[in-house]
Amino acid sequence: MFISAAYAQTAAGAASGSAGMAAIVQYAPLVLIVVVFYFLLIRPQQKQQKQLKARLSALKRGDKVVTAGGIVGLVKKTTDDSNEIDVEIAPNVTVSVVRSTISTVLTAAPADKK
């Protein structure tokens, strides 16, 4: 009697077109952050790893390398099918190093002039 009937609209009826847009606006910053991280962090790191892998597979005698432990040396012997490389770290001191522990190839060997 004193209370009149109140009818509420459903969510679909009130904002039928703006519900989809609200979801897009809500997730847009998260998607933008993921895209920025991909292009600023992930993609350059993948490119750098690809270049290092190519350099490691192309190692040859005379290349100057740095191991993961920080040892700088000169490649003395390498074979394509082997995982180990002989590196000279001091005059007449040669150590065998696993190819994957080389972190940087500093200089390539000078090309033979013919």
PDB file of N, CA and C in Angstrom:
ATOM      1  N   MET A   1       0.780  -1.160   0.000  1.00  0.00           N
ATOM      2  CA  MET A   1       0.000   0.000   0.000  1.00  0.00           C
ATOM      3  C   MET A   1       0.841   1.251   0.000  1.00  0.00           C
ATOM      4  N   PHE A   2       1.684   1.368   0.998  1.00  0.00           N
ATOM      5  CA  PHE A   2       2.544   2.542   0.976  1.00  0.00           C
ATOM      6  C   PHE A   2       3.797   2.336   0.126  1.00  0.00           C
ATOM      7  N   ILE A   3       4.103   1.099  -0.116  1.00  0.00           N
ATOM      8  CA  ILE A   3       5.298   0.784  -0.884  1.00  0.00           C
ATOM      9  C   ILE A   3       4.879   0.471  -2.309  1.00  0.00           C
ATOM     10  N   SER A   4       5.443   1.198  -3.235  1.00  0.00           N
ATOM     11  CA  SER A   4       5.124   0.939  -4.631  1.00  0.00           C
ATOM     12  C   SER A   4       6.090  -0.121  -5.178  1.00  0.00           C
ATOM     13  N   ALA A   5       5.679  -0.772  -6.179  1.00  0.00           N
ATOM     14  CA  ALA A   5       6.522  -1.811  -6.781  1.00  0.00           C
ATOM     15  C   ALA A   5       7.636  -1.149  -7.571  1.00  0.00           C
ATOM     16  N   ALA A   6       8.857  -1.579  -7.351  1.00  0.00           N
ATOM     17  CA  ALA A   6      10.017  -1.062  -8.076  1.00  0.00           C
ATOM     18  C   ALA A   6      10.509  -2.159  -9.003  1.00  0.00           C
ATOM     19  N   TYR A   7      10.676  -1.794 -10.224  1.00  0.00           N
ATOM     20  CA  TYR A   7      11.137  -2.772 -11.212  1.00  0.00           C
ATOM     21  C   TYR A   7      12.558  -2.402 -11.625  1.00  0.00           C
ATOM     22  N   ALA A   8      13.457  -3.349 -11.451  1.00  0.00           N
ATOM     23  CA  ALA A   8      14.861  -3.116 -11.815  1.00  0.00           C
ATOM     24  C   ALA A   8      15.110  -3.648 -13.217  1.00  0.00           C
ATOM     25  N   GLN A   9      15.995  -2.966 -13.882  1.00  0.00           N
ATOM     26  CA  GLN A   9      16.369  -3.437 -15.198  1.00  0.00           C
ATOM     27  C   GLN A   9      17.445  -4.522 -15.061  1.00  0.00           C
ATOM     28  N   THR A  10      17.462  -5.415 -15.953  1.00  0.00           N
ATOM     29  CA  THR A  10      18.518  -6.427 -15.961  1.00  0.00           C
ATOM     30  C   THR A  10      19.787  -5.806 -16.536  1.00  0.00           C
ATOM     31  N   ALA A  11      20.888  -6.441 -16.303  1.00  0.00           N
ATOM     32  CA  ALA A  11      22.164  -5.919 -16.791  1.00  0.00           C
ATOM     33  C   ALA A  11      22.184  -5.863 -18.311  1.00  0.00           C
ATOM     34  N   ALA A  12      21.587  -6.826 -18.941  1.00  0.00           N
ATOM     35  CA  ALA A  12      21.566  -6.839 -20.397  1.00  0.00           C
ATOM     36  C   ALA A  12      20.677  -5.735 -20.944  1.00  0.00           C
ATOM     37  N   GLY A  13      19.618  -5.442 -20.252  1.00  0.00           N
ATOM     38  CA  GLY A  13      18.709  -4.401 -20.720  1.00  0.00           C
ATOM     39  C   GLY A  13      19.254  -3.009 -20.499  1.00  0.00           C
ATOM     40  N   ALA A  14      19.980  -2.802 -19.405  1.00  0.00           N
ATOM     41  CA  ALA A  14      20.475  -1.476 -19.070  1.00  0.00           C
ATOM     42  C   ALA A  14      21.638  -1.057 -19.969  1.00  0.00           C
ATOM     43  N   ALA A  15      22.559  -1.968 -20.188  1.00  0.00           N
ATOM     44  CA  ALA A  15      23.755  -1.602 -20.955  1.00  0.00           C
ATOM     45  C   ALA A  15      24.064  -2.696 -21.957  1.00  0.00           C
ATOM     46  N   SER A  16      23.211  -2.883 -22.875  1.00  0.00           N
ATOM     47  CA  SER A  16      23.387  -3.977 -23.825  1.00  0.00           C
ATOM     48  C   SER A  16      24.617  -3.758 -24.703  1.00  0.00           C
ATOM     49  N   GLY A  17      24.875  -2.562 -25.144  1.00  0.00           N
ATOM     50  CA  GLY A  17      26.017  -2.298 -26.009  1.00  0.00           C
ATOM     51  C   GLY A  17      27.279  -1.975 -25.248  1.00  0.00           C
ATOM     52  N   SER A  18      27.171  -1.420 -24.062  1.00  0.00           N
ATOM     53  CA  SER A  18      28.352  -0.990 -23.330  1.00  0.00           C
ATOM     54  C   SER A  18      28.968  -2.093 -22.471  1.00  0.00           C
ATOM     55  N   ALA A  19      28.332  -3.230 -22.312  1.00  0.00           N
ATOM     56  CA  ALA A  19      28.891  -4.316 -21.501  1.00  0.00           C
ATOM     57  C   ALA A  19      30.133  -4.896 -22.175  1.00  0.00           C
ATOM     58  N   GLY A  20      30.066  -5.105 -23.474  1.00  0.00           N
ATOM     59  CA  GLY A  20      31.222  -5.623 -24.200  1.00  0.00           C
ATOM     60  C   GLY A  20      32.361  -4.625 -24.228  1.00  0.00           C
ATOM     61  N   MET A  21      32.012  -3.366 -24.372  1.00  0.00           N
ATOM     62  CA  MET A  21      33.031  -2.315 -24.403  1.00  0.00           C
ATOM     63  C   MET A  21      33.704  -2.163 -23.040  1.00  0.00           C
ATOM     64  N   ALA A  22      32.950  -2.325 -21.975  1.00  0.00           N
ATOM     65  CA  ALA A  22      33.512  -2.209 -20.630  1.00  0.00           C
ATOM     66  C   ALA A  22      34.536  -3.313 -20.379  1.00  0.00           C
ATOM     67  N   ALA A  23      34.271  -4.497 -20.886  1.00  0.00           N
ATOM     68  CA  ALA A  23      35.216  -5.601 -20.702  1.00  0.00           C
ATOM     69  C   ALA A  23      36.513  -5.321 -21.466  1.00  0.00           C
ATOM     70  N   ILE A  24      36.392  -4.774 -22.663  1.00  0.00           N
ATOM     71  CA  ILE A  24      37.585  -4.445 -23.447  1.00  0.00           C
ATOM     72  C   ILE A  24      38.409  -3.370 -22.757  1.00  0.00           C
ATOM     73  N   VAL A  25      37.750  -2.345 -22.259  1.00  0.00           N
ATOM     74  CA  VAL A  25      38.445  -1.257 -21.573  1.00  0.00           C
ATOM     75  C   VAL A  25      39.092  -1.760 -20.284  1.00  0.00           C
ATOM     76  N   GLN A  26      38.467  -2.716 -19.637  1.00  0.00           N
ATOM     77  CA  GLN A  26      38.999  -3.244 -18.384  1.00  0.00           C
ATOM     78  C   GLN A  26      40.280  -4.041 -18.615  1.00  0.00           C
ATOM     79  N   TYR A  27      40.355  -4.805 -19.684  1.00  0.00           N
ATOM     80  CA  TYR A  27      41.521  -5.647 -19.949  1.00  0.00           C
ATOM     81  C   TYR A  27      42.558  -4.995 -20.861  1.00  0.00           C
ATOM     82  N   ALA A  28      42.280  -3.860 -21.416  1.00  0.00           N
ATOM     83  CA  ALA A  28      43.204  -3.183 -22.324  1.00  0.00           C
ATOM     84  C   ALA A  28      44.557  -2.847 -21.676  1.00  0.00           C
ATOM     85  N   PRO A  29      44.603  -2.311 -20.458  1.00  0.00           N
ATOM     86  CA  PRO A  29      45.920  -2.017 -19.859  1.00  0.00           C
ATOM     87  C   PRO A  29      46.768  -3.277 -19.649  1.00  0.00           C
ATOM     88  N   LEU A  30      46.127  -4.369 -19.272  1.00  0.00           N
ATOM     89  CA  LEU A  30      46.858  -5.613 -19.064  1.00  0.00           C
ATOM     90  C   LEU A  30      47.439  -6.121 -20.386  1.00  0.00           C
ATOM     91  N   VAL A  31      46.661  -6.073 -21.438  1.00  0.00           N
ATOM     92  CA  VAL A  31      47.132  -6.495 -22.757  1.00  0.00           C
ATOM     93  C   VAL A  31      48.258  -5.580 -23.227  1.00  0.00           C
ATOM     94  N   LEU A  32      48.121  -4.296 -23.002  1.00  0.00           N
ATOM     95  CA  LEU A  32      49.152  -3.338 -23.395  1.00  0.00           C
ATOM     96  C   LEU A  32      50.467  -3.611 -22.663  1.00  0.00           C
ATOM     97  N   ILE A  33      50.413  -3.931 -21.387  1.00  0.00           N
ATOM     98  CA  ILE A  33      51.615  -4.236 -20.609  1.00  0.00           C
ATOM     99  C   ILE A  33      52.299  -5.483 -21.154  1.00  0.00           C
ATOM    100  N   VAL A  34      51.521  -6.507 -21.484  1.00  0.00           N
ATOM    101  CA  VAL A  34      52.093  -7.741 -22.032  1.00  0.00           C
ATOM    102  C   VAL A  34      52.778  -7.462 -23.365  1.00  0.00           C
ATOM    103  N   VAL A  35      52.164  -6.669 -24.211  1.00  0.00           N
ATOM    104  CA  VAL A  35      52.736  -6.344 -25.521  1.00  0.00           C
ATOM    105  C   VAL A  35      54.030  -5.554 -25.360  1.00  0.00           C
ATOM    106  N   VAL A  36      54.053  -4.594 -24.454  1.00  0.00           N
ATOM    107  CA  VAL A  36      55.260  -3.787 -24.217  1.00  0.00           C
ATOM    108  C   VAL A  36      56.387  -4.663 -23.677  1.00  0.00           C
ATOM    109  N   PHE A  37      56.090  -5.547 -22.719  1.00  0.00           N
ATOM    110  CA  PHE A  37      57.107  -6.448 -22.197  1.00  0.00           C
ATOM    111  C   PHE A  37      57.659  -7.349 -23.293  1.00  0.00           C
ATOM    112  N   TYR A  38      56.812  -7.817 -24.173  1.00  0.00           N
ATOM    113  CA  TYR A  38      57.276  -8.685 -25.251  1.00  0.00           C
ATOM    114  C   TYR A  38      58.274  -7.954 -26.143  1.00  0.00           C
ATOM    115  N   PHE A  39      57.924  -6.752 -26.574  1.00  0.00           N
ATOM    116  CA  PHE A  39      58.787  -6.038 -27.506  1.00  0.00           C
ATOM    117  C   PHE A  39      60.027  -5.424 -26.851  1.00  0.00           C
ATOM    118  N   LEU A  40      59.973  -5.112 -25.569  1.00  0.00           N
ATOM    119  CA  LEU A  40      61.124  -4.493 -24.909  1.00  0.00           C
ATOM    120  C   LEU A  40      62.038  -5.493 -24.204  1.00  0.00           C
ATOM    121  N   LEU A  41      61.513  -6.634 -23.780  1.00  0.00           N
ATOM    122  CA  LEU A  41      62.325  -7.566 -23.010  1.00  0.00           C
ATOM    123  C   LEU A  41      62.491  -8.934 -23.673  1.00  0.00           C
ATOM    124  N   ILE A  42      61.412  -9.552 -24.019  1.00  0.00           N
ATOM    125  CA  ILE A  42      61.461 -10.940 -24.473  1.00  0.00           C
ATOM    126  C   ILE A  42      62.051 -11.055 -25.875  1.00  0.00           C
ATOM    127  N   ARG A  43      61.569 -10.270 -26.802  1.00  0.00           N
ATOM    128  CA  ARG A  43      62.023 -10.369 -28.198  1.00  0.00           C
ATOM    129  C   ARG A  43      63.518 -10.058 -28.366  1.00  0.00           C
ATOM    130  N   PRO A  44      64.047  -8.979 -27.755  1.00  0.00           N
ATOM    131  CA  PRO A  44      65.490  -8.737 -27.889  1.00  0.00           C
ATOM    132  C   PRO A  44      66.339  -9.850 -27.260  1.00  0.00           C
ATOM    133  N   GLN A  45      65.865 -10.417 -26.139  1.00  0.00           N
ATOM    134  CA  GLN A  45      66.610 -11.497 -25.503  1.00  0.00           C
ATOM    135  C   GLN A  45      66.640 -12.737 -26.394  1.00  0.00           C
ATOM    136  N   GLN A  46      65.528 -13.052 -27.039  1.00  0.00           N
ATOM    137  CA  GLN A  46      65.490 -14.192 -27.952  1.00  0.00           C
ATOM    138  C   GLN A  46      66.424 -13.961 -29.145  1.00  0.00           C
ATOM    139  N   LYS A  47      66.449 -12.738 -29.637  1.00  0.00           N
ATOM    140  CA  LYS A  47      67.319 -12.411 -30.769  1.00  0.00           C
ATOM    141  C   LYS A  47      68.789 -12.546 -30.377  1.00  0.00           C
ATOM    142  N   GLN A  48      69.138 -12.090 -29.177  1.00  0.00           N
ATOM    143  CA  GLN A  48      70.501 -12.178 -28.689  1.00  0.00           C
ATOM    144  C   GLN A  48      70.917 -13.642 -28.492  1.00  0.00           C
ATOM    145  N   GLN A  49      70.034 -14.463 -27.969  1.00  0.00           N
ATOM    146  CA  GLN A  49      70.332 -15.879 -27.787  1.00  0.00           C
ATOM    147  C   GLN A  49      70.526 -16.583 -29.125  1.00  0.00           C
ATOM    148  N   LYS A  50      69.740 -16.186 -30.113  1.00  0.00           N
ATOM    149  CA  LYS A  50      69.865 -16.771 -31.452  1.00  0.00           C
ATOM    150  C   LYS A  50      71.220 -16.418 -32.063  1.00  0.00           C
ATOM    151  N   GLN A  51      71.663 -15.174 -31.892  1.00  0.00           N
ATOM    152  CA  GLN A  51      72.959 -14.754 -32.414  1.00  0.00           C
ATOM    153  C   GLN A  51      74.100 -15.493 -31.717  1.00  0.00           C
ATOM    154  N   LEU A  52      74.008 -15.666 -30.394  1.00  0.00           N
ATOM    155  CA  LEU A  52      75.048 -16.375 -29.652  1.00  0.00           C
ATOM    156  C   LEU A  52      75.112 -17.833 -30.094  1.00  0.00           C
ATOM    157  N   LYS A  53      73.964 -18.450 -30.308  1.00  0.00           N
ATOM    158  CA  LYS A  53      73.939 -19.838 -30.761  1.00  0.00           C
ATOM    159  C   LYS A  53      74.600 -19.973 -32.133  1.00  0.00           C
ATOM    160  N   ALA A  54      74.353 -19.012 -33.013  1.00  0.00           N
ATOM    161  CA  ALA A  54      74.979 -19.040 -34.336  1.00  0.00           C
ATOM    162  C   ALA A  54      76.488 -18.849 -34.224  1.00  0.00           C
ATOM    163  N   ARG A  55      76.928 -17.961 -33.348  1.00  0.00           N
ATOM    164  CA  ARG A  55      78.367 -17.741 -33.158  1.00  0.00           C
ATOM    165  C   ARG A  55      79.046 -18.973 -32.561  1.00  0.00           C
ATOM    166  N   LEU A  56      78.357 -19.642 -31.619  1.00  0.00           N
ATOM    167  CA  LEU A  56      78.939 -20.837 -31.012  1.00  0.00           C
ATOM    168  C   LEU A  56      79.077 -21.965 -32.024  1.00  0.00           C
ATOM    169  N   SER A  57      78.115 -22.078 -32.908  1.00  0.00           N
ATOM    170  CA  SER A  57      78.207 -23.138 -33.909  1.00  0.00           C
ATOM    171  C   SER A  57      79.275 -22.817 -34.957  1.00  0.00           C
ATOM    172  N   ALA A  58      79.632 -21.544 -35.109  1.00  0.00           N
ATOM    173  CA  ALA A  58      80.631 -21.137 -36.096  1.00  0.00           C
ATOM    174  C   ALA A  58      82.011 -20.898 -35.484  1.00  0.00           C
ATOM    175  N   LEU A  59      82.228 -21.329 -34.251  1.00  0.00           N
ATOM    176  CA  LEU A  59      83.536 -21.132 -33.618  1.00  0.00           C
ATOM    177  C   LEU A  59      84.623 -21.864 -34.402  1.00  0.00           C
ATOM    178  N   LYS A  60      85.775 -21.217 -34.496  1.00  0.00           N
ATOM    179  CA  LYS A  60      86.901 -21.834 -35.181  1.00  0.00           C
ATOM    180  C   LYS A  60      88.193 -21.445 -34.459  1.00  0.00           C
ATOM    181  N   ARG A  61      89.248 -22.052 -34.868  1.00  0.00           N
ATOM    182  CA  ARG A  61      90.550 -21.798 -34.241  1.00  0.00           C
ATOM    183  C   ARG A  61      90.928 -20.328 -34.379  1.00  0.00           C
ATOM    184  N   GLY A  62      91.373 -19.730 -33.274  1.00  0.00           N
ATOM    185  CA  GLY A  62      91.803 -18.345 -33.278  1.00  0.00           C
ATOM    186  C   GLY A  62      90.765 -17.376 -32.739  1.00  0.00           C
ATOM    187  N   ASP A  63      89.544 -17.830 -32.512  1.00  0.00           N
ATOM    188  CA  ASP A  63      88.514 -16.952 -31.947  1.00  0.00           C
ATOM    189  C   ASP A  63      88.808 -16.699 -30.470  1.00  0.00           C
ATOM    190  N   LYS A  64      88.586 -15.481 -30.036  1.00  0.00           N
ATOM    191  CA  LYS A  64      88.763 -15.115 -28.631  1.00  0.00           C
ATOM    192  C   LYS A  64      87.404 -15.201 -27.960  1.00  0.00           C
ATOM    193  N   VAL A  65      87.321 -15.967 -26.846  1.00  0.00           N
ATOM    194  CA  VAL A  65      86.040 -16.217 -26.194  1.00  0.00           C
ATOM    195  C   VAL A  65      86.123 -15.938 -24.697  1.00  0.00           C
ATOM    196  N   VAL A  66      84.946 -15.744 -24.098  1.00  0.00           N
ATOM    197  CA  VAL A  66      84.820 -15.594 -22.651  1.00  0.00           C
ATOM    198  C   VAL A  66      83.882 -16.682 -22.162  1.00  0.00           C
ATOM    199  N   THR A  67      84.308 -17.438 -21.157  1.00  0.00           N
ATOM    200  CA  THR A  67      83.461 -18.493 -20.612  1.00  0.00           C
ATOM    201  C   THR A  67      82.497 -17.893 -19.583  1.00  0.00           C
ATOM    202  N   ALA A  68      81.542 -18.702 -19.150  1.00  0.00           N
ATOM    203  CA  ALA A  68      80.577 -18.244 -18.148  1.00  0.00           C
ATOM    204  C   ALA A  68      81.258 -17.929 -16.822  1.00  0.00           C
ATOM    205  N   GLY A  69      82.414 -18.537 -16.566  1.00  0.00           N
ATOM    206  CA  GLY A  69      83.170 -18.268 -15.347  1.00  0.00           C
ATOM    207  C   GLY A  69      84.034 -17.022 -15.433  1.00  0.00           C
ATOM    208  N   GLY A  70      84.059 -16.388 -16.610  1.00  0.00           N
ATOM    209  CA  GLY A  70      84.814 -15.158 -16.774  1.00  0.00           C
ATOM    210  C   GLY A  70      86.223 -15.362 -17.283  1.00  0.00           C
ATOM    211  N   ILE A  71      86.555 -16.554 -17.714  1.00  0.00           N
ATOM    212  CA  ILE A  71      87.895 -16.836 -18.226  1.00  0.00           C
ATOM    213  C   ILE A  71      87.947 -16.466 -19.703  1.00  0.00           C
ATOM    214  N   VAL A  72      88.938 -15.653 -20.046  1.00  0.00           N
ATOM    215  CA  VAL A  72      89.130 -15.234 -21.431  1.00  0.00           C
ATOM    216  C   VAL A  72      90.208 -16.113 -22.037  1.00  0.00           C
ATOM    217  N   GLY A  73      89.941 -16.618 -23.231  1.00  0.00           N
ATOM    218  CA  GLY A  73      90.917 -17.491 -23.856  1.00  0.00           C
ATOM    219  C   GLY A  73      90.798 -17.493 -25.363  1.00  0.00           C
ATOM    220  N   LEU A  74      91.719 -18.208 -25.978  1.00  0.00           N
ATOM    221  CA  LEU A  74      91.794 -18.303 -27.430  1.00  0.00           C
ATOM    222  C   LEU A  74      91.480 -19.748 -27.828  1.00  0.00           C
ATOM    223  N   VAL A  75      90.574 -19.929 -28.777  1.00  0.00           N
ATOM    224  CA  VAL A  75      90.193 -21.263 -29.208  1.00  0.00           C
ATOM    225  C   VAL A  75      91.361 -21.892 -29.956  1.00  0.00           C
ATOM    226  N   LYS A  76      91.772 -23.079 -29.498  1.00  0.00           N
ATOM    227  CA  LYS A  76      92.875 -23.791 -30.137  1.00  0.00           C
ATOM    228  C   LYS A  76      92.390 -24.947 -30.990  1.00  0.00           C
ATOM    229  N   LYS A  77      91.323 -25.622 -30.550  1.00  0.00           N
ATOM    230  CA  LYS A  77      90.850 -26.777 -31.293  1.00  0.00           C
ATOM    231  C   LYS A  77      89.347 -26.929 -31.085  1.00  0.00           C
ATOM    232  N   THR A  78      88.643 -27.177 -32.182  1.00  0.00           N
ATOM    233  CA  THR A  78      87.210 -27.415 -32.099  1.00  0.00           C
ATOM    234  C   THR A  78      86.804 -28.358 -33.217  1.00  0.00           C
ATOM    235  N   THR A  79      85.796 -29.141 -32.947  1.00  0.00           N
ATOM    236  CA  THR A  79      85.224 -30.003 -33.980  1.00  0.00           C
ATOM    237  C   THR A  79      83.719 -29.798 -33.974  1.00  0.00           C
ATOM    238  N   ASP A  80      83.114 -29.928 -35.139  1.00  0.00           N
ATOM    239  CA  ASP A  80      81.677 -29.662 -35.253  1.00  0.00           C
ATOM    240  C   ASP A  80      80.839 -30.673 -34.500  1.00  0.00           C
ATOM    241  N   ASP A  81      81.255 -31.926 -34.475  1.00  0.00           N
ATOM    242  CA  ASP A  81      80.438 -32.950 -33.835  1.00  0.00           C
ATOM    243  C   ASP A  81      80.677 -33.053 -32.333  1.00  0.00           C
ATOM    244  N   SER A  82      81.697 -32.388 -31.818  1.00  0.00           N
ATOM    245  CA  SER A  82      82.032 -32.460 -30.403  1.00  0.00           C
ATOM    246  C   SER A  82      81.403 -31.305 -29.630  1.00  0.00           C
ATOM    247  N   ASN A  83      81.122 -31.557 -28.367  1.00  0.00           N
ATOM    248  CA  ASN A  83      80.559 -30.530 -27.494  1.00  0.00           C
ATOM    249  C   ASN A  83      81.661 -29.800 -26.728  1.00  0.00           C
ATOM    250  N   GLU A  84      82.892 -30.270 -26.845  1.00  0.00           N
ATOM    251  CA  GLU A  84      84.008 -29.667 -26.115  1.00  0.00           C
ATOM    252  C   GLU A  84      84.935 -28.906 -27.058  1.00  0.00           C
ATOM    253  N   ILE A  85      85.507 -27.840 -26.515  1.00  0.00           N
ATOM    254  CA  ILE A  85      86.422 -26.985 -27.268  1.00  0.00           C
ATOM    255  C   ILE A  85      87.677 -26.813 -26.420  1.00  0.00           C
ATOM    256  N   ASP A  86      88.848 -26.872 -27.055  1.00  0.00           N
ATOM    257  CA  ASP A  86      90.101 -26.608 -26.344  1.00  0.00           C
ATOM    258  C   ASP A  86      90.387 -25.114 -26.426  1.00  0.00           C
ATOM    259  N   VAL A  87      90.555 -24.493 -25.253  1.00  0.00           N
ATOM    260  CA  VAL A  87      90.787 -23.050 -25.165  1.00  0.00           C
ATOM    261  C   VAL A  87      92.099 -22.809 -24.429  1.00  0.00           C
ATOM    262  N   GLU A  88      92.958 -21.976 -25.029  1.00  0.00           N
ATOM    263  CA  GLU A  88      94.223 -21.611 -24.389  1.00  0.00           C
ATOM    264  C   GLU A  88      93.973 -20.381 -23.524  1.00  0.00           C
ATOM    265  N   ILE A  89      94.179 -20.539 -22.198  1.00  0.00           N
ATOM    266  CA  ILE A  89      93.898 -19.432 -21.274  1.00  0.00           C
ATOM    267  C   ILE A  89      95.177 -18.712 -20.858  1.00  0.00           C
ATOM    268  N   ALA A  90      96.325 -19.321 -21.092  1.00  0.00           N
ATOM    269  CA  ALA A  90      97.636 -18.720 -20.819  1.00  0.00           C
ATOM    270  C   ALA A  90      98.615 -19.418 -21.757  1.00  0.00           C
ATOM    271  N   PRO A  91      99.814 -18.859 -21.933  1.00  0.00           N
ATOM    272  CA  PRO A  91     100.777 -19.532 -22.811  1.00  0.00           C
ATOM    273  C   PRO A  91     101.035 -20.973 -22.356  1.00  0.00           C
ATOM    274  N   ASN A  92     100.825 -21.908 -23.257  1.00  0.00           N
ATOM    275  CA  ASN A  92     101.017 -23.341 -23.017  1.00  0.00           C
ATOM    276  C   ASN A  92     100.076 -23.919 -21.959  1.00  0.00           C
ATOM    277  N   VAL A  93      98.957 -23.277 -21.700  1.00  0.00           N
ATOM    278  CA  VAL A  93      97.944 -23.805 -20.784  1.00  0.00           C
ATOM    279  C   VAL A  93      96.633 -23.888 -21.555  1.00  0.00           C
ATOM    280  N   THR A  94      96.234 -25.121 -21.853  1.00  0.00           N
ATOM    281  CA  THR A  94      95.027 -25.342 -22.625  1.00  0.00           C
ATOM    282  C   THR A  94      94.028 -26.118 -21.774  1.00  0.00           C
ATOM    283  N   VAL A  95      92.790 -25.654 -21.743  1.00  0.00           N
ATOM    284  CA  VAL A  95      91.730 -26.338 -21.008  1.00  0.00           C
ATOM    285  C   VAL A  95      90.639 -26.738 -21.993  1.00  0.00           C
ATOM    286  N   SER A  96      89.931 -27.785 -21.618  1.00  0.00           N
ATOM    287  CA  SER A  96      88.806 -28.236 -22.423  1.00  0.00           C
ATOM    288  C   SER A  96      87.542 -27.627 -21.829  1.00  0.00           C
ATOM    289  N   VAL A  97      86.760 -26.951 -22.671  1.00  0.00           N
ATOM    290  CA  VAL A  97      85.577 -26.218 -22.218  1.00  0.00           C
ATOM    291  C   VAL A  97      84.352 -26.738 -22.970  1.00  0.00           C
ATOM    292  N   VAL A  98      83.255 -26.874 -22.258  1.00  0.00           N
ATOM    293  CA  VAL A  98      82.001 -27.261 -22.903  1.00  0.00           C
ATOM    294  C   VAL A  98      81.490 -26.069 -23.704  1.00  0.00           C
ATOM    295  N   ARG A  99      81.070 -26.334 -24.916  1.00  0.00           N
ATOM    296  CA  ARG A  99      80.654 -25.275 -25.849  1.00  0.00           C
ATOM    297  C   ARG A  99      79.562 -24.370 -25.259  1.00  0.00           C
ATOM    298  N   SER A 100      78.620 -24.935 -24.502  1.00  0.00           N
ATOM    299  CA  SER A 100      77.502 -24.141 -23.981  1.00  0.00           C
ATOM    300  C   SER A 100      77.909 -23.201 -22.851  1.00  0.00           C
ATOM    301  N   THR A 101      79.116 -23.381 -22.284  1.00  0.00           N
ATOM    302  CA  THR A 101      79.554 -22.478 -21.212  1.00  0.00           C
ATOM    303  C   THR A 101      80.224 -21.220 -21.742  1.00  0.00           C
ATOM    304  N   ILE A 102      80.383 -21.112 -23.038  1.00  0.00           N
ATOM    305  CA  ILE A 102      80.949 -19.886 -23.621  1.00  0.00           C
ATOM    306  C   ILE A 102      79.844 -18.845 -23.690  1.00  0.00           C
ATOM    307  N   SER A 103      80.085 -17.713 -23.046  1.00  0.00           N
ATOM    308  CA  SER A 103      79.043 -16.683 -22.968  1.00  0.00           C
ATOM    309  C   SER A 103      79.210 -15.594 -24.009  1.00  0.00           C
ATOM    310  N   THR A 104      80.440 -15.359 -24.470  1.00  0.00           N
ATOM    311  CA  THR A 104      80.681 -14.289 -25.434  1.00  0.00           C
ATOM    312  C   THR A 104      81.797 -14.689 -26.386  1.00  0.00           C
ATOM    313  N   VAL A 105      81.617 -14.345 -27.641  1.00  0.00           N
ATOM    314  CA  VAL A 105      82.697 -14.482 -28.615  1.00  0.00           C
ATOM    315  C   VAL A 105      83.195 -13.062 -28.868  1.00  0.00           C
ATOM    316  N   LEU A 106      84.403 -12.760 -28.375  1.00  0.00           N
ATOM    317  CA  LEU A 106      84.910 -11.390 -28.440  1.00  0.00           C
ATOM    318  C   LEU A 106      85.340 -11.005 -29.848  1.00  0.00           C
ATOM    319  N   THR A 107      86.203 -11.786 -30.455  1.00  0.00           N
ATOM    320  CA  THR A 107      86.657 -11.479 -31.804  1.00  0.00           C
ATOM    321  C   THR A 107      86.706 -12.753 -32.606  1.00  0.00           C
ATOM    322  N   ALA A 108      86.394 -12.614 -33.856  1.00  0.00           N
ATOM    323  CA  ALA A 108      86.524 -13.748 -34.762  1.00  0.00           C
ATOM    324  C   ALA A 108      87.959 -13.798 -35.255  1.00  0.00           C
ATOM    325  N   ALA A 109      88.384 -14.970 -35.656  1.00  0.00           N
ATOM    326  CA  ALA A 109      89.737 -15.126 -36.181  1.00  0.00           C
ATOM    327  C   ALA A 109      89.863 -14.350 -37.480  1.00  0.00           C
ATOM    328  N   PRO A 110      91.020 -13.748 -37.731  1.00  0.00           N
ATOM    329  CA  PRO A 110      91.193 -13.023 -38.988  1.00  0.00           C
ATOM    330  C   PRO A 110      91.082 -13.980 -40.169  1.00  0.00           C
ATOM    331  N   ALA A 111      90.442 -13.525 -41.220  1.00  0.00           N
ATOM    332  CA  ALA A 111      90.242 -14.374 -42.394  1.00  0.00           C
ATOM    333  C   ALA A 111      91.573 -14.590 -43.099  1.00  0.00           C
ATOM    334  N   ASP A 112      91.772 -15.814 -43.585  1.00  0.00           N
ATOM    335  CA  ASP A 112      92.998 -16.128 -44.314  1.00  0.00           C
ATOM    336  C   ASP A 112      92.976 -15.423 -45.659  1.00  0.00           C
ATOM    337  N   LYS A 113      94.019 -14.688 -45.949  1.00  0.00           N
ATOM    338  CA  LYS A 113      94.106 -13.963 -47.216  1.00  0.00           C
ATOM    339  C   LYS A 113      94.740 -14.853 -48.247  1.00  0.00           C
ATOM    340  N   LYS A 114      94.075 -15.011 -49.363  1.00  0.00           N
ATOM    341  CA  LYS A 114      94.585 -15.883 -50.421  1.00  0.00           C
ATOM    342  C   LYS A 114      94.818 -15.094 -51.677  1.00  0.00           C
TER     343      LYS A 114
END
